[in-house]
Amino acid sequence: MSTLIKIKRSSTSNVPNLGQGELGYSWGTSTYTDAQNASVTSYGKLFLGTGTETGGLAANIEAIGGKYFTDLLDHGHGTLTANSAVIVDSANKINVWNGEIVIPDNTFLTFGTSKDTKITYDEATDDRLEITGADWNFADNVAIKINDITASTSSTTGALTISGGVGIAGNLHVGGTATVNTLSVLNTFSVSDLTVTADLTVQGGDIIVSNSATNVNIRDNISNSFSIKEGNNRYINIITTDNSELIQFSTANVDIDNNLNIDGSSLTTGSNTFNLLNATATTINAFGAATTVNLGTSSTTVDFGDIRIKGATISGDANGQTIVIDPFPAGGASGGDVVVRGNLKISGTTTTVNSNSITINDPTITLGDSVSDKVLTADASNGATTLTLDNTTGLNTGDLITGNSNIANGTTITVNSSTQITLSSAITGAILSGTEFTFTQATDDNMDRGIEFKYYNQSLKTGFFGYDESGESEDVTTYYFTYIPEATNNSNVFSGTKGSAYFKTVKLDDGVNKGIPFFDSYKRLTSTAAANMASPGTGSDVTTSYQILTVNSSGVPVWTTTIDGGSY
């Protein structure tokens, strides 16, 4: 028979007396009256005794559940239900709110996911609603009525005050007195004589002077007596049938305080020097939506402060200047990419890459290329034998020079300095500065070819691996692929103690199938002939054994003259 555990219970509406941790349930029919004078059942609750016991009774009796609470939740989500809790639906919505909604002082309603639009009420300070964030837009057929009858005596008093301007597309009717300090807008205005003692602004209409009039005279000698400001359209429209100068300003400057719009196709000057923009502005926007901007010819130099563009060449305006290409300076090293469409050719003496990784799609990399390009930096006249270049790095006396029809085929060079060479044959015509020459290596520069690398192991070190051009004097001079972990670089000739290499296996082109590898007198790894298994003792085999290779008790290979079968 199973064991039943029953808690205290009562059909009354009373709160039970319970010990600490003891449960009790009351399902009485007690009711209370809500705010609408409706009778609502208040019992059907589960209680728990908590706190210190006195005389077997807990200090506190707490309601922890029961039918009363579950009934409050027993309805569809998102639907407001009488005498029940509010449960929003999956969109965080409720279908309706009834009755008054009270928002306390110094709190606000917030709109939008970014919470940038608010309606705030400050009762204690200025007793008004304040709206921040988005603009208010009233749709068609929605009228705004202000019944406040506060009189207006200035631009800051009245039932409605507006700090900014007011744009009105339709009619404006004023039932009382209108005081205008500056009359700025008149759609239609006709008068025989008009005297203006303050400002007169015309927007949208025309000021027409009849054909009978001959002159419009502005006789005020003070500065700014005739001022045209703001707007997008033409304000002075002068039409003529000839090419005479319509407006002529003698030697004085013309000051334009706003935009200048030219509908013609050219802005020309007769001066040898023309300052198109000479301003103190820190930002100048030019050319608008133009898809093509033409500046001069291929020989025109365009100067942008420290940067100059001439033809297809971008340069600095001073020797030793650094030119930086940065997609987005504020983004630092990750500010964007620089993409070069086409071949990239670097003719300097040093190329430094300060990135963390390099990806190259080429399957091969050529080091120590025998061809290099240099640029002539001073004009050379017909018959000259000395040329001044941007640099002579990588060139050697005896190299061939080509690249210009005024240089004879087979002409070689002698390197005189870091920027100057002498030709074996004089040039047959003038060559201008900026001409690029091609040099082909024709003599041994005695430099190693490979990769120099830097690393830190207890101290900063330089390593090298690659082709050792110095060679080793053996039976013949032999050139090795060399690895030096701590190398000294002397004009691209590397020296130092050879390093260790770790490979899974090594294949020797001079190896012999089933031959035994050994080192010759030059410490080169070579191989014996394979054993003659078809006819032992003949061919490359020998019949006399001088020593036999075996191992000692530790398994180390050693040579011996004795084969010992041991004792029994």
Protein backbone atom coordinates (compact mmCIF):
# COMPACT_ATOMS: atom_id res chain seq x y z
CA MET A 1 0.00 0.00 0.00
CA SER A 2 1.42 3.41 -0.94
CA THR A 3 2.05 6.11 1.66
CA LEU A 4 0.14 9.40 1.40
CA ILE A 5 1.50 12.71 2.66
CA LYS A 6 -1.19 15.33 3.20
CA ILE A 7 -0.62 19.02 3.92
CA LYS A 8 -2.82 21.20 6.09
CA ARG A 9 -5.96 22.36 4.27
CA SER A 10 -9.18 24.18 4.91
CA SER A 11 -12.30 25.13 3.00
CA THR A 12 -12.36 28.43 4.85
CA SER A 13 -10.72 31.64 3.70
CA ASN A 14 -8.53 31.96 6.79
CA VAL A 15 -4.71 32.07 6.77
CA PRO A 16 -3.54 28.84 8.49
CA ASN A 17 -1.22 28.55 11.47
CA LEU A 18 1.94 26.77 10.25
CA GLY A 19 5.31 25.71 11.59
CA GLN A 20 8.54 26.50 9.82
CA GLY A 21 8.58 24.75 6.39
CA GLU A 22 4.97 23.54 6.79
CA LEU A 23 2.48 23.90 3.89
CA GLY A 24 -1.20 24.80 4.12
CA TYR A 25 -3.91 25.34 1.47
CA SER A 26 -7.16 27.36 1.81
CA TRP A 27 -9.86 27.23 -0.88
CA GLY A 28 -12.47 29.42 0.70
CA THR A 29 -14.83 31.73 -1.16
CA SER A 30 -13.68 35.08 0.20
CA THR A 31 -13.97 38.04 -2.18
CA TYR A 32 -12.86 41.68 -2.44
CA THR A 33 -14.16 44.70 -4.35
CA ASP A 34 -11.95 46.06 -7.16
CA ALA A 35 -11.62 49.67 -8.42
CA GLN A 36 -14.75 49.25 -10.56
CA ASN A 37 -16.84 48.06 -7.55
CA ALA A 38 -16.83 44.47 -8.89
CA SER A 39 -16.62 41.45 -6.53
CA VAL A 40 -13.51 39.31 -7.17
CA THR A 41 -12.63 35.95 -5.54
CA SER A 42 -9.49 36.34 -3.44
CA TYR A 43 -8.85 32.83 -2.08
CA GLY A 44 -7.56 29.50 -3.26
CA LYS A 45 -3.96 30.03 -2.06
CA LEU A 46 -1.03 27.83 -0.95
CA PHE A 47 0.87 29.05 2.16
CA LEU A 48 4.34 28.29 3.62
CA GLY A 49 5.54 28.89 7.16
CA THR A 50 8.90 30.71 7.34
CA GLY A 51 11.06 32.32 10.03
CA THR A 52 11.77 31.39 13.62
CA GLU A 53 9.18 29.25 15.40
CA THR A 54 7.60 30.32 18.62
CA GLY A 55 5.45 27.72 20.38
CA GLY A 56 5.54 25.61 17.21
CA LEU A 57 4.35 28.43 14.97
CA ALA A 58 6.49 30.10 12.27
CA ALA A 59 7.04 33.83 12.48
CA ASN A 60 5.76 34.39 8.93
CA ILE A 61 3.02 32.85 6.81
CA GLU A 62 3.70 33.50 3.09
CA ALA A 63 1.43 32.85 0.08
CA ILE A 64 3.52 30.97 -2.48
CA GLY A 65 0.94 29.76 -5.03
CA GLY A 66 -2.50 28.33 -5.60
CA LYS A 67 -5.53 28.49 -7.88
CA TYR A 68 -6.00 32.19 -7.19
CA PHE A 69 -2.71 33.00 -8.95
CA THR A 70 -3.00 30.47 -11.79
CA ASP A 71 -6.47 31.82 -12.65
CA LEU A 72 -4.87 35.22 -13.19
CA LEU A 73 -2.71 33.70 -15.98
CA ASP A 74 -5.33 31.45 -17.60
CA HIS A 75 -6.07 33.39 -20.82
CA GLY A 76 -4.70 34.04 -24.33
CA HIS A 77 -1.42 35.92 -24.73
CA GLY A 78 -1.63 39.52 -25.95
CA THR A 79 -5.32 39.91 -24.92
CA LEU A 80 -6.33 42.19 -22.07
CA THR A 81 -8.62 40.06 -19.80
CA ALA A 82 -10.68 41.32 -16.84
CA ASN A 83 -9.45 40.35 -13.34
CA SER A 84 -6.31 38.75 -14.87
CA ALA A 85 -2.64 39.43 -15.25
CA VAL A 86 -1.28 41.12 -18.40
CA ILE A 87 0.60 38.72 -20.69
CA VAL A 88 2.10 40.13 -23.90
CA ASP A 89 2.14 38.07 -27.09
CA SER A 90 5.19 36.93 -29.13
CA ALA A 91 5.56 40.46 -30.56
CA ASN A 92 5.70 41.99 -27.06
CA LYS A 93 2.22 43.53 -27.62
CA ILE A 94 -1.11 43.77 -25.79
CA ASN A 95 -4.31 44.36 -27.78
CA VAL A 96 -5.73 47.27 -25.73
CA TRP A 97 -5.23 49.43 -22.63
CA ASN A 98 -8.31 50.79 -20.85
CA GLY A 99 -8.61 53.68 -18.45
CA GLU A 100 -6.19 56.40 -17.45
CA ILE A 101 -2.41 56.00 -17.90
CA VAL A 102 -0.46 58.12 -15.42
CA ILE A 103 3.20 59.01 -16.12
CA PRO A 104 4.87 60.39 -12.95
CA ASP A 105 6.89 63.60 -12.80
CA ASN A 106 10.40 63.49 -14.38
CA THR A 107 9.68 60.32 -16.33
CA PHE A 108 9.12 59.95 -20.06
CA LEU A 109 7.73 57.97 -22.96
CA THR A 110 10.43 56.62 -25.28
CA PHE A 111 9.98 55.72 -28.97
CA GLY A 112 12.05 53.63 -31.41
CA THR A 113 14.59 50.87 -30.95
CA SER A 114 17.38 53.42 -30.53
CA LYS A 115 15.31 55.29 -27.88
CA ASP A 116 16.24 58.66 -29.39
CA THR A 117 12.75 60.20 -29.28
CA LYS A 118 11.13 61.05 -25.91
CA ILE A 119 8.16 62.88 -24.41
CA THR A 120 9.14 64.14 -20.95
CA TYR A 121 7.03 65.85 -18.29
CA ASP A 122 8.69 67.98 -15.62
CA GLU A 123 5.96 69.03 -13.17
CA ALA A 124 8.17 70.34 -10.39
CA THR A 125 10.39 72.70 -12.45
CA ASP A 126 8.61 74.26 -15.45
CA ASP A 127 5.36 72.22 -15.59
CA ARG A 128 5.50 71.43 -19.30
CA LEU A 129 5.90 68.62 -21.81
CA GLU A 130 9.20 68.50 -23.70
CA ILE A 131 9.69 66.53 -26.93
CA THR A 132 13.18 65.51 -28.08
CA GLY A 133 14.36 63.43 -31.03
CA ALA A 134 12.20 62.99 -34.15
CA ASP A 135 10.14 65.64 -35.90
CA TRP A 136 6.33 65.64 -35.63
CA ASN A 137 4.38 65.27 -38.87
CA PHE A 138 0.63 65.92 -38.95
CA ALA A 139 -1.11 64.23 -41.92
CA ASP A 140 -3.69 65.84 -44.17
CA ASN A 141 -7.07 66.64 -42.53
CA VAL A 142 -5.46 66.84 -39.09
CA ALA A 143 -5.90 70.36 -37.76
CA ILE A 144 -3.91 71.91 -34.91
CA LYS A 145 -5.94 74.25 -32.71
CA ILE A 146 -4.52 76.39 -29.91
CA ASN A 147 -7.25 77.91 -27.69
CA ASP A 148 -4.88 79.87 -25.47
CA ILE A 149 -5.71 83.59 -25.76
CA THR A 150 -2.39 84.90 -24.40
CA ALA A 151 -1.57 88.10 -26.30
CA SER A 152 1.71 88.55 -28.19
CA THR A 153 3.78 91.68 -27.61
CA SER A 154 7.08 90.37 -29.05
CA SER A 155 8.56 87.37 -30.91
CA THR A 156 8.96 85.52 -27.58
CA THR A 157 5.45 86.00 -26.16
CA GLY A 158 1.99 84.69 -27.05
CA ALA A 159 0.04 81.45 -27.21
CA LEU A 160 2.52 80.08 -29.81
CA THR A 161 6.21 81.07 -30.04
CA ILE A 162 8.65 79.63 -32.60
CA SER A 163 12.41 80.14 -32.29
CA GLY A 164 13.24 79.19 -35.91
CA GLY A 165 11.78 80.17 -39.25
CA VAL A 166 8.25 79.31 -40.46
CA GLY A 167 7.57 77.99 -43.96
CA ILE A 168 3.96 78.24 -45.17
CA ALA A 169 3.01 76.70 -48.53
CA GLY A 170 -0.60 77.92 -48.45
CA ASN A 171 -2.38 81.09 -47.37
CA LEU A 172 -1.75 82.98 -44.15
CA HIS A 173 -4.68 84.85 -42.55
CA VAL A 174 -4.09 87.15 -39.61
CA GLY A 175 -7.27 88.31 -37.81
CA GLY A 176 -5.53 90.81 -35.58
CA THR A 177 -2.65 93.20 -35.99
CA ALA A 178 0.52 91.85 -37.71
CA THR A 179 3.78 93.51 -36.73
CA VAL A 180 6.69 92.64 -39.12
CA ASN A 181 10.15 93.94 -38.28
CA THR A 182 11.48 92.76 -41.67
CA LEU A 183 9.02 92.27 -44.56
CA SER A 184 10.44 89.23 -46.36
CA VAL A 185 7.73 87.47 -48.47
CA LEU A 186 5.13 88.95 -50.87
CA ASN A 187 3.66 86.72 -53.60
CA THR A 188 2.02 89.64 -55.44
CA PHE A 189 2.79 93.28 -54.77
CA SER A 190 2.07 96.30 -56.92
CA VAL A 191 2.67 99.94 -55.95
CA SER A 192 3.48 103.13 -57.83
CA ASP A 193 6.13 104.34 -55.36
CA LEU A 194 7.78 102.20 -52.74
CA THR A 195 9.97 103.56 -50.02
CA VAL A 196 11.74 100.97 -47.89
CA THR A 197 13.44 102.13 -44.74
CA ALA A 198 14.50 98.66 -43.60
CA ASP A 199 15.28 95.39 -45.44
CA LEU A 200 13.38 94.28 -48.57
CA THR A 201 13.58 90.57 -49.49
CA VAL A 202 11.90 89.13 -52.61
CA GLN A 203 11.55 85.35 -52.86
CA GLY A 204 9.96 83.58 -55.82
CA GLY A 205 8.71 86.56 -57.84
CA ASP A 206 10.31 89.04 -60.26
CA ILE A 207 11.32 92.68 -59.91
CA ILE A 208 10.55 94.05 -63.40
CA VAL A 209 11.83 97.37 -64.71
CA SER A 210 9.81 98.44 -67.78
CA ASN A 211 11.38 99.04 -71.19
CA SER A 212 10.95 102.81 -70.80
CA ALA A 213 13.40 102.82 -67.93
CA THR A 214 17.02 103.33 -68.88
CA ASN A 215 18.90 102.90 -65.66
CA VAL A 216 18.66 101.30 -62.27
CA ASN A 217 20.92 103.35 -60.04
CA ILE A 218 22.14 102.38 -56.61
CA ARG A 219 23.72 105.59 -55.34
CA ASP A 220 24.75 104.54 -51.88
CA ASN A 221 28.53 104.82 -51.44
CA ILE A 222 28.77 102.73 -48.30
CA SER A 223 30.02 99.14 -48.35
CA ASN A 224 27.49 96.36 -49.03
CA SER A 225 25.03 98.85 -50.55
CA PHE A 226 24.01 96.28 -53.16
CA SER A 227 23.93 92.78 -51.62
CA ILE A 228 22.56 89.53 -53.09
CA LYS A 229 22.50 86.66 -50.61
CA GLU A 230 21.22 83.07 -50.37
CA GLY A 231 19.02 81.01 -52.65
CA ASN A 232 19.53 78.53 -55.50
CA ASN A 233 18.40 80.50 -58.59
CA ARG A 234 19.71 83.45 -60.57
CA TYR A 235 19.19 86.84 -58.96
CA ILE A 236 20.65 89.07 -61.69
CA ASN A 237 19.69 88.00 -65.25
CA ILE A 238 21.29 90.20 -67.96
CA ILE A 239 20.42 89.32 -71.57
CA THR A 240 22.30 90.85 -74.53
CA THR A 241 22.58 90.20 -78.26
CA ASP A 242 26.25 91.07 -78.66
CA ASN A 243 29.57 90.07 -77.08
CA SER A 244 30.13 93.25 -75.13
CA GLU A 245 31.20 93.13 -71.51
CA LEU A 246 27.98 93.11 -69.52
CA ILE A 247 29.47 93.82 -66.11
CA GLN A 248 32.88 95.45 -65.84
CA PHE A 249 34.80 96.01 -62.61
CA SER A 250 37.80 98.24 -63.03
CA THR A 251 40.75 97.46 -60.74
CA ALA A 252 38.73 96.73 -57.64
CA ASN A 253 38.07 93.23 -56.32
CA VAL A 254 34.68 91.56 -56.59
CA ASP A 255 33.47 90.13 -53.29
CA ILE A 256 30.84 87.35 -53.45
CA ASP A 257 29.51 86.38 -50.03
CA ASN A 258 27.60 83.33 -51.25
CA ASN A 259 27.46 80.90 -54.18
CA LEU A 260 28.58 81.81 -57.71
CA ASN A 261 26.76 79.97 -60.52
CA ILE A 262 28.14 80.17 -64.10
CA ASP A 263 25.92 78.71 -66.82
CA GLY A 264 28.53 79.25 -69.53
CA SER A 265 31.12 76.67 -70.55
CA SER A 266 34.33 78.54 -69.68
CA LEU A 267 35.97 80.63 -67.00
CA THR A 268 38.98 82.30 -68.64
CA THR A 269 41.73 84.75 -67.72
CA GLY A 270 44.27 86.76 -69.67
CA SER A 271 46.82 86.64 -66.85
CA ASN A 272 49.87 84.33 -66.86
CA THR A 273 49.14 83.46 -63.23
CA PHE A 274 45.60 82.73 -62.12
CA ASN A 275 44.54 81.94 -58.55
CA LEU A 276 41.27 80.09 -59.02
CA LEU A 277 40.80 79.59 -55.28
CA ASN A 278 42.78 81.56 -52.75
CA ALA A 279 40.82 81.01 -49.57
CA THR A 280 41.19 80.46 -45.87
CA ALA A 281 38.57 77.69 -46.00
CA THR A 282 39.72 74.36 -44.51
CA THR A 283 37.38 72.33 -46.74
CA ILE A 284 36.78 73.04 -50.46
CA ASN A 285 34.40 70.90 -52.53
CA ALA A 286 34.95 71.10 -56.29
CA PHE A 287 33.41 69.79 -59.51
CA GLY A 288 30.18 68.42 -57.97
CA ALA A 289 28.74 65.58 -60.06
CA ALA A 290 31.32 65.90 -62.87
CA THR A 291 32.31 62.51 -64.30
CA THR A 292 35.43 63.82 -66.08
CA VAL A 293 37.83 66.57 -64.92
CA ASN A 294 40.51 67.64 -67.42
CA LEU A 295 43.54 69.51 -66.08
CA GLY A 296 46.03 70.74 -68.68
CA THR A 297 48.08 68.42 -70.90
CA SER A 298 50.53 65.55 -70.39
CA SER A 299 53.23 68.14 -69.60
CA THR A 300 51.09 70.00 -67.04
CA THR A 301 52.25 69.84 -63.41
CA VAL A 302 49.39 69.80 -60.88
CA ASP A 303 50.60 70.74 -57.39
CA PHE A 304 48.66 69.57 -54.29
CA GLY A 305 50.79 70.98 -51.48
CA ASP A 306 53.54 68.36 -51.01
CA ILE A 307 52.25 66.16 -53.89
CA ARG A 308 52.67 66.82 -57.60
CA ILE A 309 51.16 65.05 -60.62
CA LYS A 310 52.74 65.41 -64.05
CA GLY A 311 51.46 63.17 -66.82
CA ALA A 312 51.36 59.66 -65.33
CA THR A 313 53.87 60.44 -62.56
CA ILE A 314 52.98 61.20 -58.94
CA SER A 315 55.86 62.74 -56.98
CA GLY A 316 56.77 64.85 -53.99
CA ASP A 317 57.98 68.43 -54.27
CA ALA A 318 61.18 67.93 -52.25
CA ASN A 319 64.08 65.47 -52.15
CA GLY A 320 63.77 62.75 -49.52
CA GLN A 321 60.01 63.22 -49.13
CA THR A 322 57.78 60.32 -48.01
CA ILE A 323 54.54 59.73 -49.95
CA VAL A 324 51.86 57.82 -48.02
CA ILE A 325 48.91 56.00 -49.60
CA ASP A 326 46.39 55.37 -46.80
CA PRO A 327 42.81 54.16 -47.54
CA PHE A 328 41.50 55.51 -44.22
CA PRO A 329 44.00 57.15 -41.82
CA ALA A 330 41.64 57.00 -38.83
CA GLY A 331 41.38 53.22 -39.27
CA GLY A 332 45.09 52.62 -38.66
CA ALA A 333 46.64 49.44 -40.09
CA SER A 334 43.17 47.95 -40.75
CA GLY A 335 41.68 51.05 -42.42
CA GLY A 336 41.26 49.42 -45.83
CA ASP A 337 43.09 47.98 -48.83
CA VAL A 338 45.30 49.50 -51.52
CA VAL A 339 44.66 47.68 -54.82
CA VAL A 340 47.11 47.94 -57.74
CA ARG A 341 45.55 46.89 -61.05
CA GLY A 342 48.33 45.82 -63.41
CA ASN A 343 52.00 45.25 -62.73
CA LEU A 344 53.74 46.82 -59.72
CA LYS A 345 57.29 47.96 -60.37
CA ILE A 346 59.52 49.30 -57.56
CA SER A 347 62.75 50.97 -58.73
CA GLY A 348 64.04 52.10 -55.34
CA THR A 349 66.94 50.67 -53.37
CA THR A 350 64.99 49.21 -50.42
CA THR A 351 61.53 47.64 -50.16
CA THR A 352 60.19 47.30 -46.60
CA VAL A 353 56.96 45.42 -45.79
CA ASN A 354 55.70 45.85 -42.20
CA SER A 355 52.74 43.49 -42.38
CA ASN A 356 52.15 40.31 -40.36
CA SER A 357 51.70 38.01 -43.36
CA ILE A 358 52.24 38.03 -47.13
CA THR A 359 50.24 36.01 -49.67
CA ILE A 360 51.71 35.62 -53.17
CA ASN A 361 49.95 33.73 -55.97
CA ASP A 362 53.10 33.40 -58.10
CA PRO A 363 54.40 29.79 -58.07
CA THR A 364 58.02 31.05 -58.20
CA ILE A 365 59.96 33.99 -56.76
CA THR A 366 63.04 35.34 -58.56
CA LEU A 367 65.83 36.69 -56.33
CA GLY A 368 68.83 38.63 -57.64
CA ASP A 369 67.24 39.41 -61.00
CA SER A 370 69.85 40.16 -63.66
CA VAL A 371 67.77 43.06 -65.07
CA SER A 372 67.10 46.39 -63.30
CA ASP A 373 65.77 49.83 -64.26
CA LYS A 374 67.15 53.25 -63.35
CA VAL A 375 65.98 56.79 -64.19
CA LEU A 376 68.08 59.63 -65.67
CA THR A 377 67.87 62.64 -63.32
CA ALA A 378 69.79 65.22 -65.44
CA ASP A 379 69.60 65.93 -69.17
CA ALA A 380 72.44 64.37 -71.21
CA SER A 381 73.59 66.14 -74.38
CA ASN A 382 74.68 64.50 -77.65
CA GLY A 383 78.13 62.88 -77.29
CA ALA A 384 78.00 62.58 -73.52
CA THR A 385 79.59 59.53 -71.86
CA THR A 386 78.61 60.30 -68.26
CA LEU A 387 75.03 59.84 -67.02
CA THR A 388 73.48 60.87 -63.68
CA LEU A 389 70.92 58.38 -62.36
CA ASP A 390 68.53 58.25 -59.40
CA ASN A 391 70.81 55.56 -57.89
CA THR A 392 73.35 52.91 -58.95
CA THR A 393 72.40 50.31 -56.36
CA GLY A 394 72.72 46.79 -57.80
CA LEU A 395 74.74 47.91 -60.85
CA ASN A 396 78.23 46.56 -61.58
CA THR A 397 81.00 47.74 -63.82
CA GLY A 398 80.66 45.85 -67.09
CA ASP A 399 76.83 45.66 -67.07
CA LEU A 400 74.97 46.37 -70.33
CA ILE A 401 72.74 49.45 -70.73
CA THR A 402 69.74 49.67 -73.12
CA GLY A 403 66.42 51.49 -73.30
CA ASN A 404 67.08 54.43 -75.62
CA SER A 405 67.83 54.61 -79.34
CA ASN A 406 70.70 57.05 -78.69
CA ILE A 407 72.64 54.34 -76.85
CA ALA A 408 74.53 51.90 -79.10
CA ASN A 409 73.96 48.16 -78.73
CA GLY A 410 76.56 46.46 -76.55
CA THR A 411 77.33 49.61 -74.55
CA THR A 412 78.66 48.76 -71.06
CA ILE A 413 78.99 50.88 -67.96
CA THR A 414 81.54 51.80 -65.31
CA VAL A 415 80.06 52.67 -61.90
CA ASN A 416 81.62 55.91 -60.62
CA SER A 417 79.47 56.76 -57.58
CA SER A 418 76.08 56.16 -55.99
CA THR A 419 74.41 58.23 -58.76
CA GLN A 420 76.84 58.39 -61.71
CA ILE A 421 78.04 55.98 -64.43
CA THR A 422 80.35 56.21 -67.44
CA LEU A 423 79.43 54.63 -70.80
CA SER A 424 81.82 52.67 -72.98
CA SER A 425 80.38 54.50 -76.03
CA ALA A 426 79.17 58.10 -76.27
CA ILE A 427 75.43 58.67 -76.81
CA THR A 428 74.40 59.66 -80.34
CA GLY A 429 71.71 62.16 -79.37
CA ALA A 430 70.36 64.15 -76.44
CA ILE A 431 68.47 62.24 -73.73
CA LEU A 432 66.07 64.10 -71.42
CA SER A 433 65.80 63.79 -67.66
CA GLY A 434 63.17 61.23 -66.60
CA THR A 435 64.19 58.67 -69.24
CA GLU A 436 64.30 55.12 -67.88
CA PHE A 437 67.19 52.77 -68.77
CA THR A 438 67.42 48.99 -68.50
CA PHE A 439 70.62 47.41 -67.14
CA THR A 440 71.49 43.74 -67.68
CA GLN A 441 74.07 42.07 -65.44
CA ALA A 442 77.15 40.99 -67.41
CA THR A 443 79.72 40.49 -64.65
CA ASP A 444 79.90 38.41 -61.44
CA ASP A 445 78.90 40.50 -58.43
CA ASN A 446 80.07 37.70 -56.03
CA MET A 447 76.88 38.09 -53.94
CA ASP A 448 74.93 35.27 -52.35
CA ARG A 449 71.33 34.66 -53.36
CA GLY A 450 68.70 33.68 -50.80
CA ILE A 451 66.65 34.91 -47.83
CA GLU A 452 67.98 36.87 -44.87
CA PHE A 453 65.68 36.66 -41.83
CA LYS A 454 65.55 38.22 -38.37
CA TYR A 455 64.54 36.57 -35.11
CA TYR A 456 65.08 36.80 -31.36
CA ASN A 457 66.67 33.97 -29.34
CA GLN A 458 68.23 35.40 -26.17
CA SER A 459 69.27 38.32 -28.41
CA LEU A 460 68.46 39.76 -31.83
CA LYS A 461 69.92 37.51 -34.54
CA THR A 462 70.20 37.38 -38.32
CA GLY A 463 69.83 34.13 -40.25
CA PHE A 464 70.35 33.16 -43.90
CA PHE A 465 69.51 30.30 -46.21
CA GLY A 466 70.10 30.12 -49.92
CA TYR A 467 72.78 29.85 -52.61
CA ASP A 468 76.35 30.38 -51.28
CA GLU A 469 78.14 32.08 -54.19
CA SER A 470 81.53 31.84 -52.43
CA GLY A 471 81.71 28.09 -53.08
CA GLU A 472 83.79 25.38 -51.38
CA SER A 473 87.29 24.44 -52.68
CA GLU A 474 87.11 20.67 -53.07
CA ASP A 475 88.25 18.48 -55.97
CA VAL A 476 86.36 21.18 -57.92
CA THR A 477 84.80 24.40 -56.59
CA THR A 478 81.34 23.37 -55.35
CA TYR A 479 78.46 25.77 -54.64
CA TYR A 480 76.05 24.65 -51.90
CA PHE A 481 72.58 25.57 -50.71
CA THR A 482 73.53 26.85 -47.25
CA TYR A 483 71.73 27.52 -43.96
CA ILE A 484 73.39 29.79 -41.36
CA PRO A 485 71.25 30.45 -38.23
CA GLU A 486 73.58 33.19 -36.91
CA ALA A 487 74.92 34.91 -40.01
CA THR A 488 77.01 37.99 -40.74
CA ASN A 489 76.01 39.98 -43.83
CA ASN A 490 78.91 41.74 -45.54
CA SER A 491 77.49 43.42 -48.69
CA ASN A 492 75.21 40.42 -49.34
CA VAL A 493 77.99 37.88 -48.72
CA PHE A 494 76.95 35.75 -45.71
CA SER A 495 79.25 33.92 -43.34
CA GLY A 496 78.92 32.00 -40.09
CA THR A 497 78.58 28.52 -38.64
CA LYS A 498 76.32 26.26 -40.68
CA GLY A 499 73.04 25.28 -39.01
CA SER A 500 71.09 22.06 -38.58
CA ALA A 501 68.32 20.84 -40.86
CA TYR A 502 65.40 18.56 -39.99
CA PHE A 503 63.73 16.59 -42.80
CA LYS A 504 61.60 13.48 -42.92
CA THR A 505 63.88 12.09 -45.63
CA VAL A 506 66.57 13.23 -48.04
CA LYS A 507 66.97 12.12 -51.64
CA LEU A 508 70.47 12.16 -53.22
CA ASP A 509 70.70 12.42 -56.96
CA ASP A 510 74.04 10.53 -56.70
CA GLY A 511 72.52 7.83 -54.49
CA VAL A 512 72.58 4.15 -55.49
CA ASN A 513 69.71 1.73 -55.03
CA LYS A 514 70.57 -0.50 -52.03
CA GLY A 515 73.93 1.23 -51.68
CA ILE A 516 75.28 2.27 -48.26
CA PRO A 517 75.64 6.08 -47.73
CA PHE A 518 78.94 7.39 -46.37
CA PHE A 519 80.96 10.63 -46.26
CA ASP A 520 83.90 11.18 -48.61
CA SER A 521 87.10 13.14 -47.85
CA TYR A 522 85.23 16.45 -48.42
CA LYS A 523 82.47 15.43 -45.97
CA ARG A 524 80.08 15.05 -48.92
CA LEU A 525 77.44 12.36 -48.52
CA THR A 526 77.88 9.67 -51.19
CA SER A 527 77.02 5.97 -51.56
CA THR A 528 78.66 2.58 -52.15
CA ALA A 529 77.66 0.38 -55.03
CA ALA A 530 74.86 -2.07 -54.40
CA ALA A 531 75.78 -5.66 -53.47
CA ASN A 532 75.99 -8.04 -56.44
CA MET A 533 73.20 -10.38 -55.33
CA ALA A 534 73.11 -12.21 -58.66
CA SER A 535 76.78 -13.23 -58.43
CA PRO A 536 78.21 -12.47 -54.96
CA GLY A 537 81.91 -11.75 -54.81
CA THR A 538 82.13 -10.49 -58.38
CA GLY A 539 81.82 -7.11 -59.98
CA SER A 540 82.00 -4.34 -57.39
CA ASP A 541 82.01 -6.89 -54.53
CA VAL A 542 85.30 -7.71 -52.73
CA THR A 543 86.41 -11.10 -51.34
CA THR A 544 88.49 -9.73 -48.48
CA SER A 545 86.86 -8.07 -45.46
CA TYR A 546 89.04 -5.61 -43.58
CA GLN A 547 86.44 -4.44 -41.06
CA ILE A 548 82.78 -5.19 -40.47
CA LEU A 549 80.15 -2.68 -39.34
CA THR A 550 78.29 -3.88 -36.22
CA VAL A 551 76.86 -2.31 -33.05
CA ASN A 552 78.07 -2.26 -29.47
CA SER A 553 75.97 -3.21 -26.43
CA SER A 554 74.26 0.21 -26.57
CA GLY A 555 73.29 -0.23 -30.21
CA VAL A 556 75.82 2.35 -31.48
CA PRO A 557 77.31 1.46 -34.92
CA VAL A 558 81.06 0.57 -34.68
CA TRP A 559 83.66 -1.13 -36.85
CA THR A 560 85.23 -4.51 -35.90
CA THR A 561 87.66 -7.07 -37.38
CA THR A 562 86.21 -9.98 -35.43
CA ILE A 563 83.01 -11.96 -35.73
CA ASP A 564 82.49 -13.64 -32.36
CA GLY A 565 79.89 -16.38 -32.13
CA GLY A 566 80.05 -16.39 -28.30
CA SER A 567 80.34 -19.41 -25.95
CA TYR A 568 77.96 -22.16 -24.75
